[in-house]
C-alpha atoms as a PDB file:
ATOM      1  CA  MET A   1      14.261  32.892 130.019  1.00  0.00           C
ATOM      2  CA  ILE A   2      13.607  31.298 133.429  1.00  0.00           C
ATOM      3  CA  LEU A   3      11.718  28.028 133.630  1.00  0.00           C
ATOM      4  CA  THR A   4      10.213  26.921 136.897  1.00  0.00           C
ATOM      5  CA  ALA A   5       8.254  23.796 137.864  1.00  0.00           C
ATOM      6  CA  PRO A   6       5.020  24.233 139.817  1.00  0.00           C
ATOM      7  CA  SER A   7       6.184  22.586 142.981  1.00  0.00           C
ATOM      8  CA  ARG A   8       6.813  23.375 146.633  1.00  0.00           C
ATOM      9  CA  LEU A   9      10.451  22.455 145.964  1.00  0.00           C
ATOM     10  CA  SER A  10      11.651  25.123 143.572  1.00  0.00           C
ATOM     11  CA  VAL A  11      14.557  25.094 141.107  1.00  0.00           C
ATOM     12  CA  ALA A  12      15.105  27.715 138.418  1.00  0.00           C
ATOM     13  CA  ILE A  13      16.969  27.055 135.189  1.00  0.00           C
ATOM     14  CA  VAL A  14      18.573  30.025 133.427  1.00  0.00           C
ATOM     15  CA  ILE A  15      19.053  29.823 129.663  1.00  0.00           C
ATOM     16  CA  MET A  16      21.511  32.374 128.264  1.00  0.00           C
ATOM     17  CA  GLY A  17      22.289  31.247 124.725  1.00  0.00           C
ATOM     18  CA  ASP A  18      25.908  31.316 123.510  1.00  0.00           C
ATOM     19  CA  MET A  19      27.182  33.780 126.077  1.00  0.00           C
ATOM     20  CA  PRO A  20      29.551  32.498 128.752  1.00  0.00           C
ATOM     21  CA  ASP A  21      27.465  31.823 131.841  1.00  0.00           C
ATOM     22  CA  PRO A  22      28.807  33.333 135.064  1.00  0.00           C
ATOM     23  CA  TYR A  23      26.522  31.056 137.084  1.00  0.00           C
ATOM     24  CA  LEU A  24      28.430  27.978 135.877  1.00  0.00           C
ATOM     25  CA  THR A  25      31.849  29.121 137.073  1.00  0.00           C
ATOM     26  CA  THR A  26      33.548  26.595 139.373  1.00  0.00           C
ATOM     27  CA  GLY A  27      32.768  27.616 142.943  1.00  0.00           C
ATOM     28  CA  SER A  28      29.457  29.342 142.130  1.00  0.00           C
ATOM     29  CA  ILE A  29      26.789  28.488 144.698  1.00  0.00           C
ATOM     30  CA  TRP A  30      23.258  27.621 143.675  1.00  0.00           C
ATOM     31  CA  ARG A  31      20.639  27.299 146.412  1.00  0.00           C
ATOM     32  CA  LEU A  32      17.777  24.858 146.764  1.00  0.00           C
ATOM     33  CA  HIS A  33      14.668  26.057 148.595  1.00  0.00           C
ATOM     34  CA  HIS A  34      11.561  24.467 150.086  1.00  0.00           C
ATOM     35  CA  GLY A  35       9.162  27.394 150.345  1.00  0.00           C
ATOM     36  CA  ASP A  36      11.139  30.166 151.985  1.00  0.00           C
ATOM     37  CA  GLN A  37      13.646  27.810 153.623  1.00  0.00           C
ATOM     38  CA  GLU A  38      17.059  27.189 152.033  1.00  0.00           C
ATOM     39  CA  ILE A  39      17.673  23.439 152.357  1.00  0.00           C
ATOM     40  CA  ALA A  40      20.877  22.877 150.285  1.00  0.00           C
ATOM     41  CA  ARG A  41      23.773  24.647 148.660  1.00  0.00           C
ATOM     42  CA  LEU A  42      25.080  23.341 145.403  1.00  0.00           C
ATOM     43  CA  THR A  43      28.709  24.462 144.810  1.00  0.00           C
ATOM     44  CA  VAL A  44      29.581  24.102 141.095  1.00  0.00           C
ATOM     45  CA  THR A  45      32.539  21.753 140.482  1.00  0.00           C
ATOM     46  CA  GLY A  46      32.271  21.643 136.645  1.00  0.00           C
ATOM     47  CA  THR A  47      29.978  21.322 133.621  1.00  0.00           C
ATOM     48  CA  ASP A  48      29.447  18.808 130.859  1.00  0.00           C
ATOM     49  CA  MET A  49      26.578  20.494 129.054  1.00  0.00           C
ATOM     50  CA  PRO A  50      23.740  20.120 129.449  1.00  0.00           C
ATOM     51  CA  TRP A  51      24.734  18.951 132.952  1.00  0.00           C
ATOM     52  CA  THR A  52      26.149  21.086 135.729  1.00  0.00           C
ATOM     53  CA  HIS A  53      27.955  19.176 138.494  1.00  0.00           C
ATOM     54  CA  ALA A  54      28.221  20.299 142.097  1.00  0.00           C
ATOM     55  CA  LYS A  55      29.124  19.367 145.635  1.00  0.00           C
ATOM     56  CA  VAL A  56      25.968  19.344 147.800  1.00  0.00           C
ATOM     57  CA  GLY A  57      25.943  20.942 151.258  1.00  0.00           C
ATOM     58  CA  THR A  58      22.732  19.982 153.000  1.00  0.00           C
ATOM     59  CA  LEU A  59      21.003  22.262 155.494  1.00  0.00           C
ATOM     60  CA  PRO A  60      18.093  21.694 157.923  1.00  0.00           C
ATOM     61  CA  GLY A  61      14.976  20.721 155.962  1.00  0.00           C
ATOM     62  CA  PHE A  62      16.805  18.665 153.324  1.00  0.00           C
ATOM     63  CA  GLU A  63      16.269  15.288 154.977  1.00  0.00           C
ATOM     64  CA  GLU A  64      12.574  15.395 154.073  1.00  0.00           C
ATOM     65  CA  PHE A  65      13.651  15.118 150.384  1.00  0.00           C
ATOM     66  CA  ARG A  66      16.630  12.719 150.623  1.00  0.00           C
ATOM     67  CA  LEU A  67      14.478   9.629 149.848  1.00  0.00           C
ATOM     68  CA  LEU A  68      12.965  11.448 146.859  1.00  0.00           C
ATOM     69  CA  PHE A  69      16.446  12.091 145.373  1.00  0.00           C
ATOM     70  CA  SER A  70      17.435   8.486 146.088  1.00  0.00           C
ATOM     71  CA  GLU A  71      14.399   7.276 144.116  1.00  0.00           C
ATOM     72  CA  GLN A  72      15.379   9.573 141.274  1.00  0.00           C
ATOM     73  CA  GLU A  73      18.851   8.027 141.233  1.00  0.00           C
ATOM     74  CA  ARG A  74      17.330   4.548 140.933  1.00  0.00           C
ATOM     75  CA  ALA A  75      15.142   5.824 138.090  1.00  0.00           C
ATOM     76  CA  ASP A  76      18.283   7.079 136.261  1.00  0.00           C
ATOM     77  CA  ALA A  77      19.797   3.598 136.587  1.00  0.00           C
ATOM     78  CA  CYS A  78      16.598   2.172 135.063  1.00  0.00           C
ATOM     79  CA  TYR A  79      16.867   4.583 132.173  1.00  0.00           C
ATOM     80  CA  VAL A  80      20.399   3.275 131.404  1.00  0.00           C
ATOM     81  CA  GLN A  81      19.195  -0.355 131.556  1.00  0.00           C
ATOM     82  CA  ILE A  82      16.279   0.381 129.237  1.00  0.00           C
ATOM     83  CA  ARG A  83      18.503   2.179 126.708  1.00  0.00           C
ATOM     84  CA  ASN A  84      21.088  -0.590 126.768  1.00  0.00           C
ATOM     85  CA  ALA A  85      18.440  -3.270 126.159  1.00  0.00           C
ATOM     86  CA  LEU A  86      15.864  -1.641 123.867  1.00  0.00           C
ATOM     87  CA  THR A  87      15.665   0.346 120.628  1.00  0.00           C
ATOM     88  CA  MET A  88      12.807   2.396 119.248  1.00  0.00           C
ATOM     89  CA  THR A  89      11.875   3.152 115.628  1.00  0.00           C
ATOM     90  CA  PHE A  90       9.925   5.902 113.947  1.00  0.00           C
ATOM     91  CA  PRO A  91       6.666   4.939 112.176  1.00  0.00           C
ATOM     92  CA  ASP A  92       8.670   4.702 108.890  1.00  0.00           C
ATOM     93  CA  GLY A  93      10.926   2.032 110.535  1.00  0.00           C
ATOM     94  CA  SER A  94      14.046   4.236 110.841  1.00  0.00           C
ATOM     95  CA  PRO A  95      15.845   4.097 114.198  1.00  0.00           C
ATOM     96  CA  VAL A  96      15.392   6.699 116.913  1.00  0.00           C
ATOM     97  CA  ALA A  97      18.888   7.743 117.978  1.00  0.00           C
ATOM     98  CA  GLU A  98      17.931   8.641 121.525  1.00  0.00           C
ATOM     99  CA  PHE A  99      14.780   8.326 123.577  1.00  0.00           C
ATOM    100  CA  MET A 100      13.501   8.523 127.150  1.00  0.00           C
ATOM    101  CA  LEU A 101      10.385   6.331 127.456  1.00  0.00           C
ATOM    102  CA  HIS A 102       7.883   6.001 130.308  1.00  0.00           C
ATOM    103  CA  ILE A 103       5.288   3.214 130.100  1.00  0.00           C
ATOM    104  CA  HIS A 104       2.718   3.610 132.809  1.00  0.00           C
ATOM    105  CA  ASP A 105       0.688   0.984 134.715  1.00  0.00           C
ATOM    106  CA  ASP A 106      -2.545   2.367 133.186  1.00  0.00           C
ATOM    107  CA  GLY A 107      -1.465   1.276 129.671  1.00  0.00           C
ATOM    108  CA  THR A 108      -0.343   4.743 128.486  1.00  0.00           C
ATOM    109  CA  ALA A 109       3.153   5.945 127.550  1.00  0.00           C
ATOM    110  CA  GLY A 110       5.056   9.132 127.125  1.00  0.00           C
ATOM    111  CA  TRP A 111       8.519   9.702 125.642  1.00  0.00           C
ATOM    112  CA  ARG A 112      11.079  12.237 124.478  1.00  0.00           C
ATOM    113  CA  TRP A 113      13.396  11.639 121.518  1.00  0.00           C
ATOM    114  CA  HIS A 114      16.367  13.244 119.899  1.00  0.00           C
ATOM    115  CA  ASP A 115      18.114  12.914 116.496  1.00  0.00           C
ATOM    116  CA  GLU A 116      21.516  12.189 118.052  1.00  0.00           C
ATOM    117  CA  PRO A 117      22.522   9.866 120.923  1.00  0.00           C
ATOM    118  CA  PHE A 118      23.259  11.408 124.249  1.00  0.00           C
ATOM    119  CA  ASP A 119      26.588  10.657 125.946  1.00  0.00           C
ATOM    120  CA  VAL A 120      25.494   8.232 128.664  1.00  0.00           C
ATOM    121  CA  VAL A 121      27.846   6.991 131.353  1.00  0.00           C
ATOM    122  CA  ASN A 122      27.050   3.323 132.111  1.00  0.00           C
ATOM    123  CA  PRO A 123      26.955   2.480 135.819  1.00  0.00           C
END
């Protein structure tokens, strides 16, 4: 199955089940595109599922998105602060092992939860 986000900046995620994934071999090169232009090469350095780690080689066109990725990094740091400071419970009062919560300025919220804690590296 291939999942894609409707965006001008496209990234595809390949889900292959329990089979060894040749795309995750150290040294494999993933490519990031903006439209038809390749803007970065991601050379796999290792995996810690569900994460894949890579060395980024930027190409012309990437600079337009550098600030966006910096903002995402700050958001990840906020996630760690929220999870270190807050807990969430189900309606029956039992604890939620793991959650990612967004509370918006318009008074609405959205979240994801999981039965088991994720392995989070504290900054």
